[in-house]
Amino acid sequence: LARRQGARGMTPATRMGQPDDGGVILVELSVPAGIGPQLKSPRLTADGGIEFFLHGDVTRRFRIQSSTDLLTWTDLKTDVVPNDTTPIRDALGHAPGRYYRAVTP
């Protein structure tokens, strides 16, 4: 899941603003079901953050990580179980070029 400001050449699943006006673009990239965890249904929160849901194997635990450069990753949440009803929130989601991933411990 990537949140980019002014991104070009992408086909976002959810779009807020236009790439050329400096607006925010939320991009949801999916893999086929059963392949691995998926971060789904991104949306901006009223306070300028971002929230999304983790879908995947409910018998496994995951860490949700964020990055600004796709090289250095920081844990946002640990010991997360996939859940369709409890969103994962990042208050710093307003920062441009912020990326998210789910990994196993």
N, C-alpha and C. Protein backbone atom coordinates (compact mmCIF):
# COMPACT_ATOMS: atom_id res chain seq x y z
N LEU A 1 0.86 -1.16 0.00
CA LEU A 1 0.00 0.00 0.00
C LEU A 1 0.89 1.21 0.00
N ALA A 2 0.66 2.11 -0.90
CA ALA A 2 1.51 3.29 -0.98
C ALA A 2 0.66 4.55 -0.97
N ARG A 3 1.11 5.52 -0.25
CA ARG A 3 0.47 6.82 -0.29
C ARG A 3 1.47 7.77 -0.89
N ARG A 4 1.16 8.33 -2.04
CA ARG A 4 2.10 9.20 -2.72
C ARG A 4 1.43 10.51 -3.04
N GLN A 5 2.20 11.55 -3.04
CA GLN A 5 1.70 12.86 -3.42
C GLN A 5 2.29 13.20 -4.78
N GLY A 6 1.43 13.59 -5.71
CA GLY A 6 1.89 13.95 -7.03
C GLY A 6 2.42 12.79 -7.84
N ALA A 7 1.97 11.56 -7.59
CA ALA A 7 2.44 10.39 -8.32
C ALA A 7 1.94 10.43 -9.76
N ARG A 8 2.76 9.96 -10.68
CA ARG A 8 2.38 9.92 -12.09
C ARG A 8 2.53 8.49 -12.62
N GLY A 9 1.71 8.16 -13.61
CA GLY A 9 1.83 6.87 -14.25
C GLY A 9 1.35 5.70 -13.42
N MET A 10 0.49 5.93 -12.43
CA MET A 10 -0.03 4.85 -11.60
C MET A 10 -1.53 4.73 -11.83
N THR A 11 -2.06 3.56 -11.60
CA THR A 11 -3.49 3.35 -11.67
C THR A 11 -3.97 3.05 -10.27
N PRO A 12 -4.36 4.07 -9.52
CA PRO A 12 -4.77 3.86 -8.13
C PRO A 12 -6.14 3.22 -8.02
N ALA A 13 -6.31 2.40 -6.99
CA ALA A 13 -7.62 1.82 -6.72
C ALA A 13 -8.52 2.87 -6.08
N THR A 14 -7.93 3.77 -5.31
CA THR A 14 -8.66 4.84 -4.66
C THR A 14 -7.91 6.12 -4.95
N ARG A 15 -8.57 7.14 -5.43
CA ARG A 15 -7.89 8.37 -5.77
C ARG A 15 -8.56 9.55 -5.08
N MET A 16 -7.75 10.39 -4.47
CA MET A 16 -8.22 11.63 -3.89
C MET A 16 -7.32 12.71 -4.43
N GLY A 17 -7.86 13.66 -5.16
CA GLY A 17 -7.03 14.68 -5.80
C GLY A 17 -6.56 14.17 -7.15
N GLN A 18 -5.86 14.99 -7.88
CA GLN A 18 -5.33 14.62 -9.18
C GLN A 18 -3.82 14.66 -9.12
N PRO A 19 -3.13 13.78 -9.84
CA PRO A 19 -1.67 13.74 -9.78
C PRO A 19 -1.01 15.08 -10.08
N ASP A 20 -1.59 15.86 -11.01
CA ASP A 20 -0.93 17.08 -11.41
C ASP A 20 -1.27 18.29 -10.53
N ASP A 21 -2.18 18.18 -9.59
CA ASP A 21 -2.51 19.32 -8.74
C ASP A 21 -1.93 19.19 -7.34
N GLY A 22 -1.03 18.23 -7.11
CA GLY A 22 -0.42 18.07 -5.81
C GLY A 22 -1.32 17.38 -4.81
N GLY A 23 -2.44 16.81 -5.26
CA GLY A 23 -3.34 16.11 -4.36
C GLY A 23 -2.76 14.78 -3.92
N VAL A 24 -3.45 14.11 -3.06
CA VAL A 24 -2.99 12.83 -2.52
C VAL A 24 -3.58 11.70 -3.33
N ILE A 25 -2.78 10.68 -3.60
CA ILE A 25 -3.24 9.49 -4.30
C ILE A 25 -2.98 8.28 -3.40
N LEU A 26 -4.03 7.52 -3.13
CA LEU A 26 -3.88 6.27 -2.39
C LEU A 26 -3.86 5.15 -3.42
N VAL A 27 -2.90 4.28 -3.30
CA VAL A 27 -2.76 3.18 -4.25
C VAL A 27 -2.85 1.87 -3.50
N GLU A 28 -3.72 0.99 -3.96
CA GLU A 28 -3.86 -0.33 -3.36
C GLU A 28 -3.41 -1.36 -4.39
N LEU A 29 -2.35 -2.08 -4.08
CA LEU A 29 -1.84 -3.12 -4.96
C LEU A 29 -2.20 -4.46 -4.34
N SER A 30 -2.76 -5.35 -5.13
CA SER A 30 -3.21 -6.63 -4.59
C SER A 30 -2.50 -7.79 -5.26
N VAL A 31 -2.41 -8.88 -4.52
CA VAL A 31 -1.91 -10.14 -5.05
C VAL A 31 -3.08 -11.12 -5.01
N PRO A 32 -3.04 -12.19 -5.80
CA PRO A 32 -4.13 -13.15 -5.78
C PRO A 32 -4.38 -13.70 -4.37
N ALA A 33 -5.63 -13.99 -4.07
CA ALA A 33 -5.99 -14.53 -2.76
C ALA A 33 -5.18 -15.78 -2.47
N GLY A 34 -4.78 -15.93 -1.22
CA GLY A 34 -4.02 -17.09 -0.81
C GLY A 34 -2.51 -16.95 -0.98
N ILE A 35 -2.06 -15.90 -1.65
CA ILE A 35 -0.64 -15.71 -1.89
C ILE A 35 0.05 -15.12 -0.67
N GLY A 36 -0.57 -14.20 -0.01
CA GLY A 36 0.04 -13.56 1.15
C GLY A 36 -0.87 -12.51 1.74
N PRO A 37 -0.38 -11.78 2.73
CA PRO A 37 -1.22 -10.75 3.35
C PRO A 37 -1.47 -9.59 2.39
N GLN A 38 -2.61 -8.94 2.56
CA GLN A 38 -2.96 -7.79 1.74
C GLN A 38 -3.43 -6.65 2.61
N LEU A 39 -2.97 -5.45 2.31
CA LEU A 39 -3.45 -4.24 2.96
C LEU A 39 -4.52 -3.67 2.04
N LYS A 40 -5.74 -3.58 2.54
CA LYS A 40 -6.89 -3.26 1.70
C LYS A 40 -7.65 -2.04 2.21
N SER A 41 -8.45 -1.49 1.32
CA SER A 41 -9.41 -0.41 1.61
C SER A 41 -8.77 0.81 2.28
N PRO A 42 -7.74 1.39 1.66
CA PRO A 42 -7.14 2.57 2.27
C PRO A 42 -8.08 3.77 2.22
N ARG A 43 -8.00 4.61 3.26
CA ARG A 43 -8.76 5.86 3.25
C ARG A 43 -8.08 6.86 4.15
N LEU A 44 -8.25 8.12 3.81
CA LEU A 44 -7.72 9.20 4.64
C LEU A 44 -8.66 9.42 5.82
N THR A 45 -8.09 9.72 6.98
CA THR A 45 -8.91 10.00 8.16
C THR A 45 -9.10 11.52 8.28
N ALA A 46 -10.04 11.92 9.11
CA ALA A 46 -10.35 13.35 9.29
C ALA A 46 -9.15 14.14 9.79
N ASP A 47 -8.25 13.49 10.54
CA ASP A 47 -7.08 14.20 11.08
C ASP A 47 -5.88 14.17 10.13
N GLY A 48 -6.08 13.70 8.89
CA GLY A 48 -5.02 13.70 7.90
C GLY A 48 -4.18 12.45 7.88
N GLY A 49 -4.52 11.47 8.71
CA GLY A 49 -3.80 10.20 8.72
C GLY A 49 -4.35 9.27 7.64
N ILE A 50 -4.00 8.00 7.76
CA ILE A 50 -4.49 6.99 6.83
C ILE A 50 -4.89 5.77 7.64
N GLU A 51 -5.87 5.03 7.14
CA GLU A 51 -6.23 3.76 7.75
C GLU A 51 -6.52 2.75 6.66
N PHE A 52 -6.30 1.48 6.99
CA PHE A 52 -6.51 0.38 6.06
C PHE A 52 -6.71 -0.90 6.87
N PHE A 53 -7.05 -1.98 6.18
CA PHE A 53 -7.30 -3.25 6.84
C PHE A 53 -6.30 -4.29 6.35
N LEU A 54 -5.95 -5.23 7.22
CA LEU A 54 -5.08 -6.34 6.87
C LEU A 54 -5.95 -7.56 6.59
N HIS A 55 -5.80 -8.12 5.39
CA HIS A 55 -6.48 -9.37 5.02
C HIS A 55 -5.43 -10.45 4.86
N GLY A 56 -5.74 -11.65 5.31
CA GLY A 56 -4.79 -12.74 5.16
C GLY A 56 -5.14 -13.91 6.06
N ASP A 57 -4.19 -14.77 6.25
CA ASP A 57 -4.34 -15.98 7.06
C ASP A 57 -4.52 -15.60 8.53
N VAL A 58 -5.71 -15.88 9.09
CA VAL A 58 -6.01 -15.49 10.47
C VAL A 58 -5.27 -16.33 11.50
N THR A 59 -4.59 -17.38 11.07
CA THR A 59 -3.81 -18.19 12.01
C THR A 59 -2.38 -17.66 12.17
N ARG A 60 -2.05 -16.60 11.42
CA ARG A 60 -0.71 -16.03 11.48
C ARG A 60 -0.74 -14.62 12.04
N ARG A 61 0.37 -14.20 12.59
CA ARG A 61 0.53 -12.84 13.11
C ARG A 61 1.46 -12.09 12.15
N PHE A 62 1.22 -10.80 12.02
CA PHE A 62 2.01 -9.97 11.11
C PHE A 62 2.49 -8.70 11.81
N ARG A 63 3.51 -8.10 11.23
CA ARG A 63 3.94 -6.76 11.60
C ARG A 63 3.59 -5.84 10.44
N ILE A 64 3.05 -4.68 10.74
CA ILE A 64 2.77 -3.67 9.73
C ILE A 64 3.91 -2.67 9.80
N GLN A 65 4.55 -2.44 8.66
CA GLN A 65 5.69 -1.55 8.62
C GLN A 65 5.44 -0.40 7.66
N SER A 66 6.14 0.71 7.90
CA SER A 66 6.05 1.86 7.00
C SER A 66 7.46 2.28 6.59
N SER A 67 7.52 2.96 5.44
CA SER A 67 8.79 3.42 4.91
C SER A 67 8.55 4.68 4.07
N THR A 68 9.57 5.49 3.95
CA THR A 68 9.50 6.64 3.05
C THR A 68 10.39 6.45 1.84
N ASP A 69 11.23 5.39 1.85
CA ASP A 69 12.17 5.19 0.73
C ASP A 69 12.18 3.76 0.18
N LEU A 70 11.35 2.88 0.72
CA LEU A 70 11.26 1.47 0.33
C LEU A 70 12.53 0.67 0.66
N LEU A 71 13.47 1.28 1.37
CA LEU A 71 14.68 0.57 1.79
C LEU A 71 14.72 0.38 3.31
N THR A 72 14.34 1.41 4.04
CA THR A 72 14.34 1.39 5.49
C THR A 72 12.90 1.26 5.98
N TRP A 73 12.61 0.21 6.75
CA TRP A 73 11.26 -0.06 7.22
C TRP A 73 11.20 0.04 8.74
N THR A 74 10.12 0.63 9.25
CA THR A 74 9.91 0.79 10.68
C THR A 74 8.58 0.15 11.07
N ASP A 75 8.57 -0.59 12.18
CA ASP A 75 7.33 -1.20 12.64
C ASP A 75 6.32 -0.12 13.05
N LEU A 76 5.13 -0.22 12.47
CA LEU A 76 4.02 0.65 12.84
C LEU A 76 3.16 -0.07 13.88
N LYS A 77 2.92 -1.35 13.65
CA LYS A 77 2.17 -2.21 14.57
C LYS A 77 2.83 -3.58 14.57
N THR A 78 2.77 -4.26 15.71
CA THR A 78 3.31 -5.62 15.80
C THR A 78 2.21 -6.55 16.30
N ASP A 79 2.39 -7.84 16.06
CA ASP A 79 1.45 -8.87 16.52
C ASP A 79 0.03 -8.61 16.04
N VAL A 80 -0.10 -8.32 14.74
CA VAL A 80 -1.40 -8.00 14.14
C VAL A 80 -2.00 -9.25 13.52
N VAL A 81 -3.27 -9.50 13.81
CA VAL A 81 -4.02 -10.60 13.21
C VAL A 81 -4.94 -10.00 12.14
N PRO A 82 -5.00 -10.60 10.93
CA PRO A 82 -5.89 -10.07 9.90
C PRO A 82 -7.32 -9.94 10.42
N ASN A 83 -7.96 -8.84 10.08
CA ASN A 83 -9.26 -8.51 10.64
C ASN A 83 -9.98 -7.57 9.68
N ASP A 84 -11.22 -7.88 9.35
CA ASP A 84 -12.00 -7.04 8.44
C ASP A 84 -12.74 -5.92 9.15
N THR A 85 -12.66 -5.85 10.46
CA THR A 85 -13.46 -4.85 11.17
C THR A 85 -12.65 -3.82 11.94
N THR A 86 -11.39 -4.09 12.22
CA THR A 86 -10.56 -3.15 12.98
C THR A 86 -9.50 -2.56 12.07
N PRO A 87 -9.60 -1.27 11.74
CA PRO A 87 -8.61 -0.68 10.84
C PRO A 87 -7.26 -0.47 11.52
N ILE A 88 -6.23 -0.47 10.71
CA ILE A 88 -4.89 -0.11 11.15
C ILE A 88 -4.74 1.36 10.80
N ARG A 89 -4.34 2.18 11.77
CA ARG A 89 -4.26 3.62 11.56
C ARG A 89 -2.83 4.11 11.69
N ASP A 90 -2.50 5.09 10.86
CA ASP A 90 -1.21 5.77 10.96
C ASP A 90 -1.47 7.27 10.92
N ALA A 91 -1.24 7.93 12.05
CA ALA A 91 -1.45 9.37 12.14
C ALA A 91 -0.46 10.14 11.27
N LEU A 92 0.68 9.52 10.96
CA LEU A 92 1.68 10.18 10.11
C LEU A 92 1.44 9.90 8.63
N GLY A 93 0.31 9.30 8.31
CA GLY A 93 0.00 8.97 6.93
C GLY A 93 -0.10 10.18 6.02
N HIS A 94 -0.12 11.38 6.58
CA HIS A 94 -0.19 12.59 5.77
C HIS A 94 1.13 12.90 5.06
N ALA A 95 2.21 12.26 5.47
CA ALA A 95 3.52 12.52 4.86
C ALA A 95 3.54 11.97 3.43
N PRO A 96 4.03 12.75 2.47
CA PRO A 96 4.10 12.25 1.09
C PRO A 96 5.12 11.13 0.96
N GLY A 97 4.87 10.23 0.03
CA GLY A 97 5.80 9.14 -0.23
C GLY A 97 5.92 8.16 0.92
N ARG A 98 4.83 7.83 1.56
CA ARG A 98 4.83 6.88 2.68
C ARG A 98 4.28 5.55 2.16
N TYR A 99 4.99 4.47 2.42
CA TYR A 99 4.64 3.15 1.93
C TYR A 99 4.38 2.22 3.12
N TYR A 100 3.57 1.18 2.89
CA TYR A 100 3.22 0.23 3.94
C TYR A 100 3.35 -1.19 3.43
N ARG A 101 3.68 -2.10 4.35
CA ARG A 101 3.71 -3.52 4.02
C ARG A 101 3.40 -4.34 5.26
N ALA A 102 2.99 -5.60 5.04
CA ALA A 102 2.77 -6.56 6.12
C ALA A 102 3.82 -7.65 5.98
N VAL A 103 4.49 -7.97 7.09
CA VAL A 103 5.52 -9.01 7.09
C VAL A 103 5.28 -9.95 8.26
N THR A 104 5.78 -11.16 8.15
CA THR A 104 5.68 -12.09 9.28
C THR A 104 6.89 -11.86 10.18
N PRO A 105 6.71 -12.10 11.48
CA PRO A 105 7.82 -11.85 12.43
C PRO A 105 9.08 -12.61 12.09
